[in-house]
Each structure stands twice: as structure tokens, then as C-alpha cells.
All heavy atoms as atom14 arrays in JSON, in Angstrom:
{
  "sequence": "QAPGKEREFVASINWRGGLTQYSDFVKGRFTISRDNAKNTLYL",
  "atom14_mask": [
    [1, 1, 1, 1, 1, 1, 1, 1, 1, 0, 0, 0, 0, 0],
    [1, 1, 1, 1, 1, 0, 0, 0, 0, 0, 0, 0, 0, 0],
    [1, 1, 1, 1, 1, 1, 1, 0, 0, 0, 0, 0, 0, 0],
    [1, 1, 1, 1, 0, 0, 0, 0, 0, 0, 0, 0, 0, 0],
    [1, 1, 1, 1, 1, 1, 1, 1, 1, 0, 0, 0, 0, 0],
    [1, 1, 1, 1, 1, 1, 1, 1, 1, 0, 0, 0, 0, 0],
    [1, 1, 1, 1, 1, 1, 1, 1, 1, 1, 1, 0, 0, 0],
    [1, 1, 1, 1, 1, 1, 1, 1, 1, 0, 0, 0, 0, 0],
    [1, 1, 1, 1, 1, 1, 1, 1, 1, 1, 1, 0, 0, 0],
    [1, 1, 1, 1, 1, 1, 1, 0, 0, 0, 0, 0, 0, 0],
    [1, 1, 1, 1, 1, 0, 0, 0, 0, 0, 0, 0, 0, 0],
    [1, 1, 1, 1, 1, 1, 0, 0, 0, 0, 0, 0, 0, 0],
    [1, 1, 1, 1, 1, 1, 1, 1, 0, 0, 0, 0, 0, 0],
    [1, 1, 1, 1, 1, 1, 1, 1, 0, 0, 0, 0, 0, 0],
    [1, 1, 1, 1, 1, 1, 1, 1, 1, 1, 1, 1, 1, 1],
    [1, 1, 1, 1, 1, 1, 1, 1, 1, 1, 1, 0, 0, 0],
    [1, 1, 1, 1, 0, 0, 0, 0, 0, 0, 0, 0, 0, 0],
    [1, 1, 1, 1, 0, 0, 0, 0, 0, 0, 0, 0, 0, 0],
    [1, 1, 1, 1, 1, 1, 1, 1, 0, 0, 0, 0, 0, 0],
    [1, 1, 1, 1, 1, 1, 1, 0, 0, 0, 0, 0, 0, 0],
    [1, 1, 1, 1, 1, 1, 1, 1, 1, 0, 0, 0, 0, 0],
    [1, 1, 1, 1, 1, 1, 1, 1, 1, 1, 1, 1, 0, 0],
    [1, 1, 1, 1, 1, 1, 0, 0, 0, 0, 0, 0, 0, 0],
    [1, 1, 1, 1, 1, 1, 1, 1, 0, 0, 0, 0, 0, 0],
    [1, 1, 1, 1, 1, 1, 1, 1, 1, 1, 1, 0, 0, 0],
    [1, 1, 1, 1, 1, 1, 1, 0, 0, 0, 0, 0, 0, 0],
    [1, 1, 1, 1, 1, 1, 1, 1, 1, 0, 0, 0, 0, 0],
    [1, 1, 1, 1, 0, 0, 0, 0, 0, 0, 0, 0, 0, 0],
    [1, 1, 1, 1, 1, 1, 1, 1, 1, 1, 1, 0, 0, 0],
    [1, 1, 1, 1, 1, 1, 1, 1, 1, 1, 1, 0, 0, 0],
    [1, 1, 1, 1, 1, 1, 1, 0, 0, 0, 0, 0, 0, 0],
    [1, 1, 1, 1, 1, 1, 1, 1, 0, 0, 0, 0, 0, 0],
    [1, 1, 1, 1, 1, 1, 0, 0, 0, 0, 0, 0, 0, 0],
    [1, 1, 1, 1, 1, 1, 1, 1, 1, 1, 1, 0, 0, 0],
    [1, 1, 1, 1, 1, 1, 1, 1, 0, 0, 0, 0, 0, 0],
    [1, 1, 1, 1, 1, 1, 1, 1, 0, 0, 0, 0, 0, 0],
    [1, 1, 1, 1, 1, 0, 0, 0, 0, 0, 0, 0, 0, 0],
    [1, 1, 1, 1, 1, 1, 1, 1, 1, 0, 0, 0, 0, 0],
    [1, 1, 1, 1, 1, 1, 1, 1, 0, 0, 0, 0, 0, 0],
    [1, 1, 1, 1, 1, 1, 1, 0, 0, 0, 0, 0, 0, 0],
    [1, 1, 1, 1, 1, 1, 1, 1, 0, 0, 0, 0, 0, 0],
    [1, 1, 1, 1, 1, 1, 1, 1, 1, 1, 1, 1, 0, 0],
    [1, 1, 1, 1, 1, 1, 1, 1, 0, 0, 0, 0, 0, 0]
  ],
  "atom14_positions": [
    [[-8.58, -6.81, 11.43], [-9.88, -7.31, 11.88], [-9.81, -7.57, 13.37], [-9.02, -8.41, 13.83], [-10.26, -8.58, 11.13], [-11.67, -9.05, 11.41], [-12.13, -10.09, 10.41], [-11.33, -10.7, 9.69], [-13.44, -10.29, 10.33], [0.0, 0.0, 0.0], [0.0, 0.0, 0.0], [0.0, 0.0, 0.0], [0.0, 0.0, 0.0], [0.0, 0.0, 0.0]],
    [[-10.62, -6.83, 14.1], [-10.72, -7.01, 15.54], [-11.8, -8.04, 15.83], [-12.7, -8.25, 15.01], [-11.06, -5.68, 16.2], [0.0, 0.0, 0.0], [0.0, 0.0, 0.0], [0.0, 0.0, 0.0], [0.0, 0.0, 0.0], [0.0, 0.0, 0.0], [0.0, 0.0, 0.0], [0.0, 0.0, 0.0], [0.0, 0.0, 0.0], [0.0, 0.0, 0.0]],
    [[-11.75, -8.67, 16.98], [-12.77, -9.68, 17.33], [-14.18, -9.12, 17.22], [-14.47, -8.04, 17.76], [-12.43, -10.05, 18.77], [-10.98, -9.76, 18.9], [-10.73, -8.56, 18.04], [0.0, 0.0, 0.0], [0.0, 0.0, 0.0], [0.0, 0.0, 0.0], [0.0, 0.0, 0.0], [0.0, 0.0, 0.0], [0.0, 0.0, 0.0], [0.0, 0.0, 0.0]],
    [[-15.03, -9.83, 16.52], [-16.41, -9.42, 16.4], [-16.67, -8.29, 15.43], [-17.8, -7.81, 15.32], [0.0, 0.0, 0.0], [0.0, 0.0, 0.0], [0.0, 0.0, 0.0], [0.0, 0.0, 0.0], [0.0, 0.0, 0.0], [0.0, 0.0, 0.0], [0.0, 0.0, 0.0], [0.0, 0.0, 0.0], [0.0, 0.0, 0.0], [0.0, 0.0, 0.0]],
    [[-15.63, -7.87, 14.73], [-15.79, -6.75, 13.78], [-15.41, -7.19, 12.37], [-14.74, -8.19, 12.18], [-14.93, -5.57, 14.21], [-15.34, -4.95, 15.53], [-14.56, -3.68, 15.8], [-15.03, -3.02, 17.09], [-14.29, -1.75, 17.35], [0.0, 0.0, 0.0], [0.0, 0.0, 0.0], [0.0, 0.0, 0.0], [0.0, 0.0, 0.0], [0.0, 0.0, 0.0]],
    [[-15.82, -6.41, 11.41], [-15.47, -6.69, 10.02], [-14.03, -6.26, 9.74], [-13.47, -5.41, 10.42], [-16.43, -5.97, 9.08], [-17.86, -6.47, 9.15], [-18.73, -5.84, 8.08], [-18.27, -4.91, 7.4], [-19.87, -6.3, 7.93], [0.0, 0.0, 0.0], [0.0, 0.0, 0.0], [0.0, 0.0, 0.0], [0.0, 0.0, 0.0], [0.0, 0.0, 0.0]],
    [[-13.48, -6.86, 8.71], [-12.14, -6.47, 8.28], [-12.19, -5.03, 7.77], [-13.1, -4.67, 7.01], [-11.64, -7.41, 7.19], [-10.19, -7.25, 6.85], [-9.7, -8.41, 5.99], [-9.84, -9.7, 6.7], [-9.33, -10.83, 6.23], [-8.65, -10.85, 5.1], [-9.49, -11.95, 6.91], [0.0, 0.0, 0.0], [0.0, 0.0, 0.0], [0.0, 0.0, 0.0]],
    [[-11.22, -4.23, 8.17], [-11.23, -2.83, 7.77], [-9.9, -2.42, 7.18], [-8.84, -2.95, 7.53], [-11.58, -1.92, 8.95], [-10.6, -1.98, 10.1], [-11.03, -1.08, 11.27], [-12.1, -0.46, 11.22], [-10.26, -1.03, 12.25], [0.0, 0.0, 0.0], [0.0, 0.0, 0.0], [0.0, 0.0, 0.0], [0.0, 0.0, 0.0], [0.0, 0.0, 0.0]],
    [[-9.96, -1.46, 6.31], [-8.79, -0.93, 5.62], [-7.92, -0.16, 6.59], [-8.41, 0.61, 7.43], [-9.25, -0.01, 4.49], [-8.14, 0.79, 3.87], [-7.23, 0.2, 3.01], [-8.02, 2.15, 4.17], [-6.21, 0.95, 2.45], [-7.01, 2.91, 3.6], [-6.1, 2.3, 2.73], [0.0, 0.0, 0.0], [0.0, 0.0, 0.0], [0.0, 0.0, 0.0]],
    [[-6.61, -0.35, 6.45], [-5.65, 0.39, 7.26], [-4.8, 1.32, 6.38], [-4.74, 2.52, 6.61], [-4.73, -0.56, 8.04], [-3.64, 0.23, 8.79], [-5.54, -1.41, 9.02], [0.0, 0.0, 0.0], [0.0, 0.0, 0.0], [0.0, 0.0, 0.0], [0.0, 0.0, 0.0], [0.0, 0.0, 0.0], [0.0, 0.0, 0.0], [0.0, 0.0, 0.0]],
    [[-4.16, 0.74, 5.37], [-3.26, 1.54, 4.53], [-3.03, 0.81, 3.22], [-3.13, -0.41, 3.15], [-1.93, 1.78, 5.23], [0.0, 0.0, 0.0], [0.0, 0.0, 0.0], [0.0, 0.0, 0.0], [0.0, 0.0, 0.0], [0.0, 0.0, 0.0], [0.0, 0.0, 0.0], [0.0, 0.0, 0.0], [0.0, 0.0, 0.0], [0.0, 0.0, 0.0]],
    [[-2.71, 1.58, 2.18], [-2.36, 0.96, 0.91], [-1.26, 1.77, 0.23], [-1.03, 2.94, 0.56], [-3.58, 0.83, 0.0], [-4.06, 2.1, -0.38], [0.0, 0.0, 0.0], [0.0, 0.0, 0.0], [0.0, 0.0, 0.0], [0.0, 0.0, 0.0], [0.0, 0.0, 0.0], [0.0, 0.0, 0.0], [0.0, 0.0, 0.0], [0.0, 0.0, 0.0]],
    [[-0.61, 1.13, -0.74], [0.52, 1.73, -1.43], [0.52, 1.25, -2.87], [0.15, 0.11, -3.15], [1.83, 1.34, -0.69], [3.03, 2.12, -1.22], [2.07, -0.17, -0.75], [4.26, 1.97, -0.32], [0.0, 0.0, 0.0], [0.0, 0.0, 0.0], [0.0, 0.0, 0.0], [0.0, 0.0, 0.0], [0.0, 0.0, 0.0], [0.0, 0.0, 0.0]],
    [[0.9, 2.13, -3.79], [0.92, 1.72, -5.18], [2.17, 0.9, -5.47], [3.03, 0.72, -4.61], [0.79, 2.93, -6.11], [2.07, 3.75, -6.15], [2.82, 3.82, -5.18], [2.31, 4.38, -7.28], [0.0, 0.0, 0.0], [0.0, 0.0, 0.0], [0.0, 0.0, 0.0], [0.0, 0.0, 0.0], [0.0, 0.0, 0.0], [0.0, 0.0, 0.0]],
    [[2.27, 0.4, -6.69], [3.33, -0.57, -6.98], [4.72, 0.02, -6.85], [5.65, -0.68, -6.46], [3.13, -1.17, -8.37], [3.47, -0.25, -9.5], [2.71, 0.77, -10.01], [4.68, -0.27, -10.26], [3.38, 1.37, -11.03], [4.58, 0.77, -11.22], [5.83, -1.06, -10.23], [5.6, 1.04, -12.14], [6.84, -0.8, -11.15], [6.71, 0.25, -12.08]],
    [[4.88, 1.28, -7.13], [6.21, 1.9, -7.02], [6.52, 2.37, -5.61], [7.67, 2.61, -5.27], [6.31, 3.1, -7.96], [6.5, 2.75, -9.4], [6.77, 4.0, -10.22], [7.09, 3.68, -11.6], [7.4, 4.59, -12.52], [7.45, 5.87, -12.18], [7.67, 4.23, -13.75], [0.0, 0.0, 0.0], [0.0, 0.0, 0.0], [0.0, 0.0, 0.0]],
    [[5.49, 2.5, -4.81], [5.69, 2.99, -3.46], [5.63, 4.48, -3.32], [5.85, 5.02, -2.24], [0.0, 0.0, 0.0], [0.0, 0.0, 0.0], [0.0, 0.0, 0.0], [0.0, 0.0, 0.0], [0.0, 0.0, 0.0], [0.0, 0.0, 0.0], [0.0, 0.0, 0.0], [0.0, 0.0, 0.0], [0.0, 0.0, 0.0], [0.0, 0.0, 0.0]],
    [[5.32, 5.18, -4.4], [5.31, 6.62, -4.34], [4.01, 7.22, -3.87], [3.94, 8.41, -3.52], [0.0, 0.0, 0.0], [0.0, 0.0, 0.0], [0.0, 0.0, 0.0], [0.0, 0.0, 0.0], [0.0, 0.0, 0.0], [0.0, 0.0, 0.0], [0.0, 0.0, 0.0], [0.0, 0.0, 0.0], [0.0, 0.0, 0.0], [0.0, 0.0, 0.0]],
    [[2.96, 6.41, -3.85], [1.64, 6.89, -3.43], [1.13, 6.01, -2.3], [1.2, 4.78, -2.38], [0.66, 6.85, -4.6], [0.97, 7.75, -5.79], [-0.02, 7.49, -6.92], [0.91, 9.22, -5.38], [0.0, 0.0, 0.0], [0.0, 0.0, 0.0], [0.0, 0.0, 0.0], [0.0, 0.0, 0.0], [0.0, 0.0, 0.0], [0.0, 0.0, 0.0]],
    [[0.62, 6.65, -1.27], [0.08, 5.92, -0.14], [-1.25, 6.54, 0.3], [-1.52, 7.71, 0.0], [1.04, 5.94, 1.07], [1.29, 7.29, 1.45], [2.36, 5.25, 0.74], [0.0, 0.0, 0.0], [0.0, 0.0, 0.0], [0.0, 0.0, 0.0], [0.0, 0.0, 0.0], [0.0, 0.0, 0.0], [0.0, 0.0, 0.0], [0.0, 0.0, 0.0]],
    [[-2.05, 5.76, 0.97], [-3.27, 6.28, 1.56], [-3.52, 5.52, 2.86], [-3.11, 4.38, 3.02], [-4.46, 6.17, 0.62], [-4.84, 4.79, 0.21], [-6.0, 4.77, -0.77], [-6.11, 3.9, -1.62], [-6.9, 5.72, -0.67], [0.0, 0.0, 0.0], [0.0, 0.0, 0.0], [0.0, 0.0, 0.0], [0.0, 0.0, 0.0], [0.0, 0.0, 0.0]],
    [[-4.2, 6.23, 3.79], [-4.41, 5.7, 5.13], [-5.84, 5.92, 5.58], [-6.5, 6.89, 5.17], [-3.47, 6.4, 6.13], [-2.01, 6.21, 5.84], [-1.32, 7.12, 5.04], [-1.32, 5.11, 6.34], [0.03, 6.94, 4.75], [0.03, 4.93, 6.07], [0.69, 5.84, 5.27], [2.03, 5.66, 4.99], [0.0, 0.0, 0.0], [0.0, 0.0, 0.0]],
    [[-6.29, 5.06, 6.45], [-7.56, 5.31, 7.11], [-7.37, 6.44, 8.12], [-6.24, 6.7, 8.58], [-8.04, 4.06, 7.82], [-7.12, 3.71, 8.84], [0.0, 0.0, 0.0], [0.0, 0.0, 0.0], [0.0, 0.0, 0.0], [0.0, 0.0, 0.0], [0.0, 0.0, 0.0], [0.0, 0.0, 0.0], [0.0, 0.0, 0.0], [0.0, 0.0, 0.0]],
    [[-8.43, 7.1, 8.44], [-8.33, 8.25, 9.34], [-7.8, 7.87, 10.72], [-7.11, 8.65, 11.37], [-9.69, 8.93, 9.48], [-10.08, 9.7, 8.23], [-9.18, 9.99, 7.42], [-11.27, 9.99, 8.07], [0.0, 0.0, 0.0], [0.0, 0.0, 0.0], [0.0, 0.0, 0.0], [0.0, 0.0, 0.0], [0.0, 0.0, 0.0], [0.0, 0.0, 0.0]],
    [[-8.11, 6.66, 11.15], [-7.74, 6.31, 12.52], [-6.27, 5.93, 12.67], [-5.79, 5.74, 13.79], [-8.65, 5.22, 13.09], [-8.87, 4.04, 12.2], [-7.9, 3.08, 12.02], [-10.07, 3.88, 11.52], [-8.09, 1.99, 11.2], [-10.28, 2.79, 10.69], [-9.28, 1.84, 10.53], [0.0, 0.0, 0.0], [0.0, 0.0, 0.0], [0.0, 0.0, 0.0]],
    [[-5.52, 5.82, 11.58], [-4.09, 5.54, 11.7], [-3.23, 6.65, 11.09], [-2.01, 6.63, 11.24], [-3.69, 4.2, 11.07], [-4.52, 3.07, 11.65], [-3.79, 4.22, 9.56], [0.0, 0.0, 0.0], [0.0, 0.0, 0.0], [0.0, 0.0, 0.0], [0.0, 0.0, 0.0], [0.0, 0.0, 0.0], [0.0, 0.0, 0.0], [0.0, 0.0, 0.0]],
    [[-3.86, 7.56, 10.42], [-3.12, 8.61, 9.74], [-2.26, 9.38, 10.74], [-2.73, 9.78, 11.81], [-4.09, 9.56, 9.03], [-3.47, 10.41, 7.96], [-4.56, 11.18, 7.2], [-5.46, 10.26, 6.44], [-6.48, 10.99, 5.65], [0.0, 0.0, 0.0], [0.0, 0.0, 0.0], [0.0, 0.0, 0.0], [0.0, 0.0, 0.0], [0.0, 0.0, 0.0]],
    [[-0.99, 9.54, 10.4], [-0.07, 10.24, 11.29], [0.64, 9.34, 12.27], [1.62, 9.74, 12.91], [0.0, 0.0, 0.0], [0.0, 0.0, 0.0], [0.0, 0.0, 0.0], [0.0, 0.0, 0.0], [0.0, 0.0, 0.0], [0.0, 0.0, 0.0], [0.0, 0.0, 0.0], [0.0, 0.0, 0.0], [0.0, 0.0, 0.0], [0.0, 0.0, 0.0]],
    [[0.15, 8.11, 12.42], [0.78, 7.17, 13.35], [1.41, 5.98, 12.62], [2.43, 5.47, 13.07], [-0.25, 6.65, 14.37], [-0.87, 7.72, 15.24], [-1.72, 7.1, 16.34], [-2.87, 6.36, 15.8], [-3.11, 5.07, 16.07], [-2.3, 4.38, 16.86], [-4.18, 4.46, 15.56], [0.0, 0.0, 0.0], [0.0, 0.0, 0.0], [0.0, 0.0, 0.0]],
    [[0.79, 5.54, 11.54], [1.27, 4.38, 10.79], [1.87, 4.84, 9.47], [1.42, 5.83, 8.88], [0.12, 3.43, 10.5], [-0.47, 2.71, 11.69], [-0.13, 3.06, 12.99], [-1.37, 1.67, 11.48], [-0.68, 2.39, 14.07], [-1.92, 0.99, 12.55], [-1.59, 1.36, 13.85], [0.0, 0.0, 0.0], [0.0, 0.0, 0.0], [0.0, 0.0, 0.0]],
    [[2.86, 4.09, 9.01], [3.48, 4.36, 7.72], [3.62, 3.06, 6.95], [4.23, 2.11, 7.44], [4.86, 5.01, 7.89], [4.73, 6.22, 8.65], [5.47, 5.32, 6.53], [0.0, 0.0, 0.0], [0.0, 0.0, 0.0], [0.0, 0.0, 0.0], [0.0, 0.0, 0.0], [0.0, 0.0, 0.0], [0.0, 0.0, 0.0], [0.0, 0.0, 0.0]],
    [[3.07, 3.03, 5.75], [3.21, 1.88, 4.87], [4.35, 2.13, 3.9], [4.54, 3.26, 3.42], [1.89, 1.59, 4.12], [1.98, 0.27, 3.35], [1.5, 2.76, 3.21], [0.64, -0.16, 2.74], [0.0, 0.0, 0.0], [0.0, 0.0, 0.0], [0.0, 0.0, 0.0], [0.0, 0.0, 0.0], [0.0, 0.0, 0.0], [0.0, 0.0, 0.0]],
    [[5.12, 1.1, 3.63], [6.22, 1.22, 2.68], [6.48, -0.14, 2.07], [5.94, -1.15, 2.53], [7.49, 1.75, 3.37], [7.92, 0.86, 4.38], [0.0, 0.0, 0.0], [0.0, 0.0, 0.0], [0.0, 0.0, 0.0], [0.0, 0.0, 0.0], [0.0, 0.0, 0.0], [0.0, 0.0, 0.0], [0.0, 0.0, 0.0], [0.0, 0.0, 0.0]],
    [[7.3, -0.16, 1.05], [7.61, -1.43, 0.39], [9.01, -1.38, -0.16], [9.54, -0.32, -0.5], [6.59, -1.72, -0.72], [6.63, -0.75, -1.89], [5.43, -0.96, -2.82], [5.44, -2.3, -3.41], [4.39, -2.85, -4.0], [3.25, -2.18, -4.09], [4.48, -4.06, -4.51], [0.0, 0.0, 0.0], [0.0, 0.0, 0.0], [0.0, 0.0, 0.0]],
    [[9.6, -2.55, -0.26], [10.91, -2.72, -0.88], [10.72, -3.78, -1.96], [10.7, -4.98, -1.66], [11.94, -3.15, 0.16], [13.34, -3.24, -0.4], [13.48, -3.39, -1.64], [14.3, -3.19, 0.37], [0.0, 0.0, 0.0], [0.0, 0.0, 0.0], [0.0, 0.0, 0.0], [0.0, 0.0, 0.0], [0.0, 0.0, 0.0], [0.0, 0.0, 0.0]],
    [[10.57, -3.34, -3.19], [10.28, -4.29, -4.27], [11.46, -5.21, -4.55], [11.28, -6.32, -5.01], [9.87, -3.53, -5.53], [8.46, -2.99, -5.42], [7.67, -3.4, -4.57], [8.13, -2.03, -6.28], [0.0, 0.0, 0.0], [0.0, 0.0, 0.0], [0.0, 0.0, 0.0], [0.0, 0.0, 0.0], [0.0, 0.0, 0.0], [0.0, 0.0, 0.0]],
    [[12.66, -4.75, -4.28], [13.82, -5.6, -4.48], [13.78, -6.8, -3.55], [14.29, -7.88, -3.87], [15.1, -4.81, -4.25], [0.0, 0.0, 0.0], [0.0, 0.0, 0.0], [0.0, 0.0, 0.0], [0.0, 0.0, 0.0], [0.0, 0.0, 0.0], [0.0, 0.0, 0.0], [0.0, 0.0, 0.0], [0.0, 0.0, 0.0], [0.0, 0.0, 0.0]],
    [[13.17, -6.61, -2.4], [13.04, -7.69, -1.42], [11.65, -8.31, -1.42], [11.38, -9.21, -0.62], [13.35, -7.17, -0.02], [14.78, -6.67, 0.17], [15.0, -6.19, 1.59], [16.43, -5.72, 1.79], [16.67, -5.22, 3.17], [0.0, 0.0, 0.0], [0.0, 0.0, 0.0], [0.0, 0.0, 0.0], [0.0, 0.0, 0.0], [0.0, 0.0, 0.0]],
    [[10.78, -7.81, -2.28], [9.39, -8.29, -2.33], [8.76, -8.25, -0.94], [8.11, -9.21, -0.51], [9.32, -9.71, -2.88], [9.21, -9.74, -4.38], [8.9, -8.72, -5.01], [9.45, -10.88, -4.96], [0.0, 0.0, 0.0], [0.0, 0.0, 0.0], [0.0, 0.0, 0.0], [0.0, 0.0, 0.0], [0.0, 0.0, 0.0], [0.0, 0.0, 0.0]],
    [[8.94, -7.16, -0.26], [8.46, -7.04, 1.11], [7.69, -5.75, 1.32], [8.1, -4.7, 0.84], [9.63, -7.12, 2.11], [10.33, -8.35, 1.91], [9.11, -7.1, 3.55], [0.0, 0.0, 0.0], [0.0, 0.0, 0.0], [0.0, 0.0, 0.0], [0.0, 0.0, 0.0], [0.0, 0.0, 0.0], [0.0, 0.0, 0.0], [0.0, 0.0, 0.0]],
    [[6.59, -5.87, 2.02], [5.74, -4.75, 2.4], [5.9, -4.54, 3.9], [6.05, -5.5, 4.66], [4.29, -5.1, 2.06], [3.21, -4.11, 2.46], [3.27, -2.88, 1.54], [1.83, -4.76, 2.38], [0.0, 0.0, 0.0], [0.0, 0.0, 0.0], [0.0, 0.0, 0.0], [0.0, 0.0, 0.0], [0.0, 0.0, 0.0], [0.0, 0.0, 0.0]],
    [[5.84, -3.27, 4.31], [6.0, -2.96, 5.73], [4.85, -2.09, 6.23], [4.21, -1.37, 5.46], [7.31, -2.2, 5.97], [8.54, -2.93, 5.52], [9.14, -2.63, 4.3], [9.12, -3.92, 6.3], [10.28, -3.3, 3.87], [10.26, -4.6, 5.89], [10.83, -4.28, 4.67], [11.95, -4.95, 4.25], [0.0, 0.0, 0.0], [0.0, 0.0, 0.0]],
    [[4.63, -2.16, 7.53], [3.73, -1.23, 8.18], [4.37, -0.84, 9.5], [4.44, -1.64, 10.44], [2.35, -1.85, 8.43], [1.32, -0.88, 9.03], [0.97, 0.21, 8.0], [0.06, -1.62, 9.46], [0.0, 0.0, 0.0], [0.0, 0.0, 0.0], [0.0, 0.0, 0.0], [0.0, 0.0, 0.0], [0.0, 0.0, 0.0], [0.0, 0.0, 0.0]]
  ]
}
């Protein structure tokens, strides 16, 4: 969420981490991942 703007989607990942999706404006630049053993999500 940028100042004065609505909250917008960036990236999401399924519970296993095998499926991801990105907004067009970050695709190719951002990578979402997760480590369930550590209960941690990354971007």
C-alpha cells in the first residue's frame, strides 16, 4: 500500500510452495517463496 492508494496484490503462493502468482508490475522482478519448516514467507 503506497501513500494515498489502496492496498494492492503483489504475489501469492500455495501452501506447499509449488504454485505462485504475481501482479504484472512485479512479474520477473519479485519472487515469493516459503519455508514451512521455519513458518516463514519470503519476498
